[in-house]
Protein backbone atom coordinates (compact mmCIF):
# COMPACT_ATOMS: atom_id res chain seq x y z
CA MET A 1 36.40 96.10 162.42
CA GLN A 2 35.33 95.27 158.97
CA LYS A 3 34.61 98.97 158.87
CA GLU A 4 37.94 99.82 159.76
CA LYS A 5 39.71 97.09 157.44
CA LYS A 6 37.58 98.55 154.74
CA LEU A 7 38.68 102.15 155.27
CA SER A 8 42.63 100.48 155.66
CA HIS A 9 42.05 99.10 152.52
CA GLU A 10 40.45 102.23 150.71
CA LYS A 11 43.28 104.25 152.09
CA LYS A 12 46.12 102.02 150.91
CA LEU A 13 44.65 101.77 147.37
CA SER A 14 44.44 105.50 147.20
CA THR A 15 47.99 105.84 148.65
CA ASN A 16 49.16 103.51 145.50
CA ILE A 17 47.22 104.79 143.08
CA GLN A 18 48.42 108.61 144.24
CA GLU A 19 52.25 106.94 143.50
CA PHE A 20 51.17 105.58 140.17
CA PHE A 21 50.18 108.68 139.02
CA ASP A 22 53.13 110.63 140.47
CA LYS A 23 55.43 108.47 138.19
CA VAL A 24 53.21 109.02 135.26
CA TYR A 25 53.31 113.01 135.76
CA THR A 26 57.03 112.78 136.25
CA GLU A 27 57.35 110.41 132.60
CA ILE A 28 54.95 112.88 130.98
CA VAL A 29 57.57 115.76 131.89
CA LEU A 30 60.52 113.66 130.65
CA GLN A 31 59.11 112.44 127.83
CA THR A 32 57.20 115.81 126.56
CA ASP A 33 57.80 118.76 128.17
CA GLN A 34 54.20 119.13 129.17
CA THR A 35 52.82 120.04 132.38
CA ILE A 36 50.09 119.18 134.23
CA ASN A 37 48.06 121.51 136.59
CA ALA A 38 47.93 120.64 140.22
CA ALA A 39 44.23 120.61 140.12
CA ARG A 40 43.81 118.18 137.09
CA ARG A 41 46.15 115.88 138.68
CA GLU A 42 44.33 116.00 142.00
CA PHE A 43 41.09 115.32 139.72
CA MET A 44 42.46 112.49 137.90
CA THR A 45 43.87 110.89 140.83
CA LEU A 46 40.52 110.62 143.09
CA TYR A 47 38.57 109.79 139.65
CA VAL A 48 40.41 107.17 138.84
CA ALA A 49 40.38 105.82 142.46
CA GLY A 50 36.85 106.06 142.63
CA MET A 51 36.38 104.00 139.31
CA ILE A 52 38.34 101.07 140.86
CA GLN A 53 36.68 101.12 144.08
CA SER A 54 33.17 101.78 142.66
CA ARG A 55 33.31 99.10 139.94
CA SER A 56 31.39 101.49 137.80
CA VAL A 57 31.75 104.52 135.07
CA HIS A 58 29.08 106.40 135.71
CA SER A 59 29.30 109.35 137.34
CA LYS A 60 27.15 109.47 140.27
CA ASP A 61 28.84 105.88 141.47
CA VAL A 62 32.24 107.09 140.97
CA ALA A 63 31.44 110.59 142.37
CA SER A 64 30.51 108.80 145.78
CA PHE A 65 34.21 107.16 145.95
CA MET A 66 36.05 110.16 145.14
CA ASP A 67 36.93 111.60 148.83
CA SER A 68 37.65 115.13 147.67
CA GLY A 69 35.95 116.70 150.65
CA VAL A 70 33.18 118.03 148.78
CA LYS A 71 29.25 117.47 147.71
CA ILE A 72 29.01 114.33 145.50
CA ASP A 73 26.82 116.51 143.24
CA SER A 74 30.28 118.82 142.73
CA ASP A 75 31.99 116.04 141.92
CA ILE A 76 29.60 114.69 139.50
CA ARG A 77 29.99 118.17 138.20
CA ARG A 78 33.69 117.84 137.88
CA ILE A 79 33.24 114.77 136.17
CA GLU A 80 30.95 116.25 133.44
CA ARG A 81 33.25 119.59 132.99
CA PHE A 82 36.55 117.21 132.41
CA TYR A 83 34.61 115.13 129.51
CA GLU A 84 33.38 118.41 127.98
CA GLY A 85 36.59 120.12 127.71
CA TYR A 86 39.14 117.37 127.48
CA VAL A 87 40.61 116.20 124.21
CA LEU A 88 42.57 113.38 124.30
CA ASP A 89 45.75 113.10 123.53
CA TYR A 90 46.75 109.30 122.25
CA LYS A 91 50.39 109.75 123.04
CA LEU A 92 49.89 110.42 126.58
CA PHE A 93 47.15 107.71 126.68
CA ALA A 94 50.07 105.26 125.32
CA MET A 95 52.36 106.07 127.86
CA LEU A 96 50.07 105.75 130.49
CA LEU A 97 49.19 102.16 129.19
CA CYS A 98 53.10 100.92 128.87
CA LEU A 99 53.32 102.26 132.15
CA CYS A 100 50.67 99.80 133.49
CA ILE A 101 52.73 97.00 131.63
CA PRO A 102 54.94 94.73 134.08
CA GLN A 103 58.30 95.41 133.93
CA GLY A 104 60.47 93.14 131.55
CA ARG A 105 60.92 92.18 128.29
CA VAL A 106 57.38 91.94 126.29
CA ASN A 107 55.94 90.35 123.29
CA LEU A 108 54.80 92.68 120.26
CA CYS A 109 51.98 91.68 118.03
CA MET A 110 51.14 93.69 114.76
CA ASP A 111 47.75 93.74 112.54
CA ARG A 112 45.56 95.30 110.75
CA THR A 113 41.92 95.29 111.21
CA GLU A 114 38.79 96.36 109.23
CA TRP A 115 35.79 97.69 111.18
CA LYS A 116 32.43 99.09 109.99
CA PHE A 117 30.54 102.23 112.34
CA GLY A 118 27.45 102.70 110.63
CA ASP A 119 28.28 103.15 106.97
CA SER A 120 31.67 103.99 107.29
CA TRP A 121 34.62 101.70 107.22
CA HIS A 122 37.71 102.04 109.45
CA ASN A 123 41.13 100.84 108.37
CA ILE A 124 43.24 100.42 111.84
CA LEU A 125 46.46 99.29 112.21
CA ALA A 126 47.35 98.06 115.68
CA ILE A 127 50.45 97.33 117.70
CA THR A 128 49.69 95.50 121.06
CA VAL A 129 51.74 94.00 123.81
CA GLN A 130 50.67 90.44 124.58
CA PHE A 131 49.58 90.12 127.98
CA GLY A 132 48.40 86.51 128.85
CA SER A 133 45.94 85.23 126.18
CA THR A 134 44.83 88.58 125.06
CA SER A 135 47.11 91.90 124.22
CA ILE A 136 47.27 95.27 125.67
CA PRO A 137 47.01 98.21 122.71
CA ILE A 138 50.13 100.43 122.55
CA TRP A 139 49.65 102.33 119.43
CA VAL A 140 46.83 102.37 116.89
CA GLU A 141 46.81 104.24 113.57
CA ILE A 142 43.27 104.84 111.79
CA LEU A 143 44.60 104.33 108.01
CA ASP A 144 44.13 107.00 105.61
CA LYS A 145 41.93 104.22 103.36
CA SER A 146 38.74 102.64 104.29
CA ARG A 147 40.34 99.13 102.60
CA GLY A 148 43.39 97.41 102.11
CA SER A 149 46.75 96.61 103.31
CA SER A 150 48.93 98.25 105.06
CA ASN A 151 52.37 99.40 103.70
CA PHE A 152 55.79 99.64 104.52
CA GLU A 153 55.92 103.57 105.69
CA GLU A 154 52.88 103.06 107.66
CA ARG A 155 54.31 100.12 109.28
CA LYS A 156 57.69 102.21 110.03
CA ALA A 157 56.19 104.70 111.55
CA ALA A 158 53.72 102.75 114.09
CA LEU A 159 56.95 100.61 115.29
CA GLN A 160 58.79 103.73 115.55
CA MET A 161 56.75 104.96 117.88
CA VAL A 162 56.40 101.93 119.59
CA PHE A 163 60.15 102.29 120.10
CA LYS A 164 59.83 105.63 121.50
CA LEU A 165 57.43 104.51 123.98
CA LEU A 166 58.80 101.70 125.20
CA GLY A 167 62.15 101.13 124.31
CA LYS A 168 63.90 98.70 122.11
CA LYS A 169 65.75 96.85 124.72
CA ARG A 170 62.38 95.81 126.22
CA ILE A 171 61.09 94.01 122.99
CA ARG A 172 61.76 90.37 123.29
CA ALA A 173 59.84 89.28 119.84
CA PHE A 174 57.69 90.52 117.18
CA PHE A 175 54.58 88.95 115.59
CA ALA A 176 52.80 89.57 112.42
CA ASP A 177 50.51 87.78 109.98
CA ARG A 178 50.85 87.38 106.21
CA GLU A 179 50.13 90.57 105.09
CA PHE A 180 53.49 92.23 107.30
CA ILE A 181 56.09 90.58 104.49
CA GLY A 182 58.62 92.18 101.97
CA PRO A 183 62.33 92.81 101.32
CA GLU A 184 62.19 96.29 102.86
CA TRP A 185 60.04 95.23 106.04
CA MET A 186 62.47 92.22 106.91
CA ASN A 187 65.55 94.60 106.41
CA TYR A 188 63.94 97.01 108.72
CA LEU A 189 63.45 94.55 111.33
CA LEU A 190 67.03 93.36 111.24
CA THR A 191 68.34 96.21 111.28
CA ASN A 192 66.60 97.56 114.23
CA HIS A 193 67.69 93.99 115.83
CA ILE A 194 64.24 92.69 116.62
CA HIS A 195 63.58 89.00 116.60
CA PHE A 196 60.52 88.33 114.61
CA PHE A 197 58.29 85.68 113.74
CA ILE A 198 55.93 86.08 110.74
CA ARG A 199 53.74 83.97 108.52
CA LEU A 200 54.53 84.02 104.96
CA ARG A 201 51.91 83.05 102.14
CA ASN A 202 51.92 79.43 101.05
CA ASN A 203 52.92 80.26 97.46
CA GLN A 204 56.08 81.95 98.89
CA TYR A 205 59.17 80.80 97.23
CA PHE A 206 62.63 80.52 98.90
CA GLU A 207 66.01 79.02 98.25
CA TYR A 208 67.30 76.12 99.69
CA GLY A 209 70.68 74.83 99.34
CA ALA A 210 70.79 75.43 95.63
CA LYS A 211 67.13 74.96 94.91
CA SER A 212 64.26 77.08 94.72
CA CYS A 213 61.54 76.05 96.84
CA GLN A 214 57.48 76.73 97.10
CA ILE A 215 56.30 76.67 100.75
CA CYS A 216 53.14 74.54 99.67
CA LYS A 217 55.28 71.67 98.18
CA MET A 218 57.45 71.20 100.81
CA LEU A 219 55.06 68.79 103.69
CA ASN A 220 55.37 65.96 101.36
CA GLY A 221 52.64 64.27 103.79
CA LYS A 222 55.11 65.20 107.14
CA SER A 223 53.38 67.18 109.63
CA GLN A 224 56.19 69.67 109.61
CA ARG A 225 59.75 70.55 108.28
CA LEU A 226 62.47 73.12 109.90
CA PHE A 227 65.02 74.91 107.64
CA ASP A 228 67.81 77.21 108.73
CA GLY A 229 69.67 79.33 106.71
CA ILE A 230 67.40 79.66 103.88
CA GLY A 231 67.51 82.76 100.96
CA ILE A 232 64.54 84.91 100.92
CA TYR A 233 64.39 88.48 100.30
CA GLY A 234 68.07 89.20 100.09
CA THR A 235 69.28 87.87 103.36
CA ARG A 236 69.49 84.12 105.63
CA LEU A 237 66.81 83.69 107.95
CA SER A 238 64.79 80.42 109.40
CA LEU A 239 61.74 78.94 108.41
CA GLY A 240 59.12 76.39 109.84
CA ILE A 241 56.50 74.93 107.83
CA PHE A 242 53.74 73.00 110.01
CA LYS A 243 50.47 71.37 109.40
CA ALA A 244 47.73 73.34 111.13
CA GLU A 245 45.44 71.75 113.69
CA ASN A 246 43.01 71.17 111.57
CA GLY A 247 45.45 68.76 109.58
CA LYS A 248 44.60 70.70 106.52
CA ASP A 249 46.05 74.06 106.36
CA ILE A 250 50.13 74.70 105.87
CA VAL A 251 51.34 77.46 108.52
CA ALA A 252 54.61 78.91 107.52
CA ILE A 253 56.58 80.92 109.88
CA LEU A 254 59.77 83.10 108.87
CA THR A 255 62.07 83.83 111.75
CA ASN A 256 65.70 85.63 112.27
CA THR A 257 65.94 82.98 115.58
CA THR A 258 66.04 79.31 114.36
CA ALA A 259 63.21 77.13 112.63
CA LYS A 260 62.65 75.21 116.12
CA ARG A 261 61.50 77.88 117.78
CA SER A 262 59.06 79.45 115.27
CA ARG A 263 55.86 77.16 115.74
CA LYS A 264 55.83 77.50 119.77
CA MET A 265 56.51 81.51 119.58
CA TYR A 266 54.27 82.29 116.82
CA ARG A 267 51.04 81.18 118.49
CA LYS A 268 51.56 84.01 120.83
CA ARG A 269 50.53 85.89 117.70
CA TRP A 270 46.78 85.02 118.65
CA SER A 271 46.36 87.18 121.50
CA ILE A 272 46.09 90.16 119.17
CA GLU A 273 42.95 88.18 117.47
CA VAL A 274 41.68 87.97 121.15
CA PHE A 275 42.14 91.88 121.38
CA PHE A 276 40.17 92.33 118.12
CA GLN A 277 37.57 90.23 119.01
CA SER A 278 37.09 92.02 122.42
CA LEU A 279 37.06 95.41 121.03
CA LYS A 280 34.70 94.91 118.34
CA GLN A 281 32.45 92.82 120.84
């Protein structure tokens, strides 16, 4: 009875994976006009099913669960040939990740990190989808400079790729840190009707009423202040200014929604930090 139950579970899993990959292949053809030959499609389906069922990425373990009708040694060699000859297409990989994301609207996070491999520094700009307390990377760019901030064109190119892969209508909100500011960037997000929550530097000035105000001077002993309709970057936006949880630092969140939403929403940005930590560990 136990053996029959296990076989039934494995058959159901294989069927679900086959249906998923059929959807993937259909989407690839629609978006890229590329086709994947039948042998490669069969291999990918069996290989992923084998990884899930074996809970391993070792070729011998995976091959023992591939259920291809040939000897395990033949499947091991098939796996080896795949890795020897396949060049990863990052756009197709991003499409695959997008299809793994549950349906509905999502939160996007953009951030940049510097990562040292051996003696070389790599400057990485990433856009992720919040998934619980962490994030799933949708698009990653290795910037053509070893260190330093991203510029408007680099951010724009990355976000436009995500628009193509995911669609603007699925974006609930966009989160970014203090690097991702400036009039050109804000105008781009507003033009594309993206709700954003972006942290500002504490020395940033803004207009409120008829006064010029600086973020670092606005709390005056209070734990938070909320401003709607401030003047900044040539437009009218909202700003929430808060004491950080350590009771010392100031956190200022700019948004094109309402100041009241800024603090609770911006906490979701931490998911991309968790992703970076997991990646580097």
